[in-house]
C-alpha atoms as a PDB file:
ATOM      1  CA  MET A   1      77.724 112.594  73.059  1.00  0.00           C
ATOM      2  CA  ALA A   2      76.934 110.373  76.057  1.00  0.00           C
ATOM      3  CA  GLU A   3      78.194 111.494  79.427  1.00  0.00           C
ATOM      4  CA  SER A   4      80.878 109.411  81.084  1.00  0.00           C
ATOM      5  CA  VAL A   5      81.789 108.795  84.700  1.00  0.00           C
ATOM      6  CA  TYR A   6      85.245 107.828  85.883  1.00  0.00           C
ATOM      7  CA  LYS A   7      86.292 106.231  89.149  1.00  0.00           C
ATOM      8  CA  VAL A   8      89.606 107.133  90.803  1.00  0.00           C
ATOM      9  CA  ILE A   9      91.504 104.693  93.005  1.00  0.00           C
ATOM     10  CA  GLU A  10      94.837 104.871  94.804  1.00  0.00           C
ATOM     11  CA  LEU A  11      97.555 102.314  94.195  1.00  0.00           C
ATOM     12  CA  ILE A  12     101.014 101.859  95.660  1.00  0.00           C
ATOM     13  CA  GLY A  13     103.610 100.108  93.533  1.00  0.00           C
ATOM     14  CA  THR A  14     106.974  98.904  94.816  1.00  0.00           C
ATOM     15  CA  SER A  15     110.240  98.024  93.118  1.00  0.00           C
ATOM     16  CA  SER A  16     113.730  97.197  94.297  1.00  0.00           C
ATOM     17  CA  GLU A  17     115.115  99.072  91.272  1.00  0.00           C
ATOM     18  CA  SER A  18     113.369 102.428  90.669  1.00  0.00           C
ATOM     19  CA  TRP A  19     110.326 104.651  91.138  1.00  0.00           C
ATOM     20  CA  GLU A  20     109.560 104.310  87.439  1.00  0.00           C
ATOM     21  CA  LYS A  21     109.355 100.521  87.706  1.00  0.00           C
ATOM     22  CA  ALA A  22     107.249 100.821  90.859  1.00  0.00           C
ATOM     23  CA  ALA A  23     104.724 103.053  89.071  1.00  0.00           C
ATOM     24  CA  ALA A  24     104.709 100.998  85.873  1.00  0.00           C
ATOM     25  CA  GLY A  25     104.238  97.787  87.854  1.00  0.00           C
ATOM     26  CA  ALA A  26     101.222  99.195  89.698  1.00  0.00           C
ATOM     27  CA  VAL A  27      99.566 100.291  86.445  1.00  0.00           C
ATOM     28  CA  SER A  28     100.358  97.003  84.733  1.00  0.00           C
ATOM     29  CA  ARG A  29      98.889  94.973  87.599  1.00  0.00           C
ATOM     30  CA  ALA A  30      95.764  97.156  87.752  1.00  0.00           C
ATOM     31  CA  GLY A  31      95.314  96.669  84.014  1.00  0.00           C
ATOM     32  CA  GLU A  32      94.970  92.924  84.554  1.00  0.00           C
ATOM     33  CA  THR A  33      91.649  93.354  86.382  1.00  0.00           C
ATOM     34  CA  LEU A  34      90.374  96.825  85.412  1.00  0.00           C
ATOM     35  CA  ARG A  35      89.209  97.951  81.973  1.00  0.00           C
ATOM     36  CA  ASP A  36      89.476 101.353  80.353  1.00  0.00           C
ATOM     37  CA  LEU A  37      92.317 102.753  82.449  1.00  0.00           C
ATOM     38  CA  ARG A  38      92.557 106.429  81.503  1.00  0.00           C
ATOM     39  CA  VAL A  39      95.048 108.394  83.601  1.00  0.00           C
ATOM     40  CA  ALA A  40      97.683 107.525  86.189  1.00  0.00           C
ATOM     41  CA  GLU A  41      99.000 110.397  88.295  1.00  0.00           C
ATOM     42  CA  VAL A  42     102.013 109.918  90.569  1.00  0.00           C
ATOM     43  CA  VAL A  43     101.128 111.721  93.788  1.00  0.00           C
ATOM     44  CA  GLN A  44     103.933 110.614  96.105  1.00  0.00           C
ATOM     45  CA  LEU A  45     107.330 108.934  95.946  1.00  0.00           C
ATOM     46  CA  ASP A  46     109.060 107.434  98.969  1.00  0.00           C
ATOM     47  CA  LEU A  47     111.615 104.841  99.987  1.00  0.00           C
ATOM     48  CA  GLN A  48     111.456 101.835 102.260  1.00  0.00           C
ATOM     49  CA  LEU A  49     114.669 101.569 104.280  1.00  0.00           C
ATOM     50  CA  ASP A  50     116.279  98.745 106.210  1.00  0.00           C
ATOM     51  CA  ALA A  51     117.675  99.055 109.755  1.00  0.00           C
ATOM     52  CA  GLN A  52     120.976 100.465 108.429  1.00  0.00           C
ATOM     53  CA  GLY A  53     119.266 103.103 106.296  1.00  0.00           C
ATOM     54  CA  LYS A  54     119.875 101.263 103.008  1.00  0.00           C
ATOM     55  CA  VAL A  55     117.152 101.473 100.350  1.00  0.00           C
ATOM     56  CA  GLU A  56     115.098  98.267 100.261  1.00  0.00           C
ATOM     57  CA  ALA A  57     112.339  99.441  97.931  1.00  0.00           C
ATOM     58  CA  TYR A  58     111.172 102.393  95.878  1.00  0.00           C
ATOM     59  CA  ARG A  59     107.469 103.127  96.348  1.00  0.00           C
ATOM     60  CA  ALA A  60     105.189 105.149  94.090  1.00  0.00           C
ATOM     61  CA  LYS A  61     101.673 106.147  95.145  1.00  0.00           C
ATOM     62  CA  LEU A  62      99.364 106.743  92.172  1.00  0.00           C
ATOM     63  CA  LYS A  63      95.839 107.897  91.512  1.00  0.00           C
ATOM     64  CA  VAL A  64      94.454 105.881  88.622  1.00  0.00           C
ATOM     65  CA  SER A  65      91.185 106.586  86.829  1.00  0.00           C
ATOM     66  CA  PHE A  66      89.074 104.240  84.762  1.00  0.00           C
ATOM     67  CA  LYS A  67      85.717 104.455  83.086  1.00  0.00           C
ATOM     68  CA  PHE A  68      82.932 103.531  85.516  1.00  0.00           C
ATOM     69  CA  GLU A  69      80.542 100.891  84.254  1.00  0.00           C
ATOM     70  CA  GLY A  70      77.422 100.585  86.344  1.00  0.00           C
ATOM     71  CA  SER A  71      73.688 100.545  86.126  1.00  0.00           C
END
């Protein structure tokens, strides 16, 4: 079996509706330009608030791995 190498990057997704949509949106967008996405791990959830303390956006920080292709 050939050895494989994976690269890990951090992404932050945002949504006005939920953390789940924020995370899914980040993975979906990354999948448009990266191949062989393997694992997405949510490492932090937070909220963006307006001046009155109302939730403006849900934010999900993820670590995403994909198979490294290089020479």
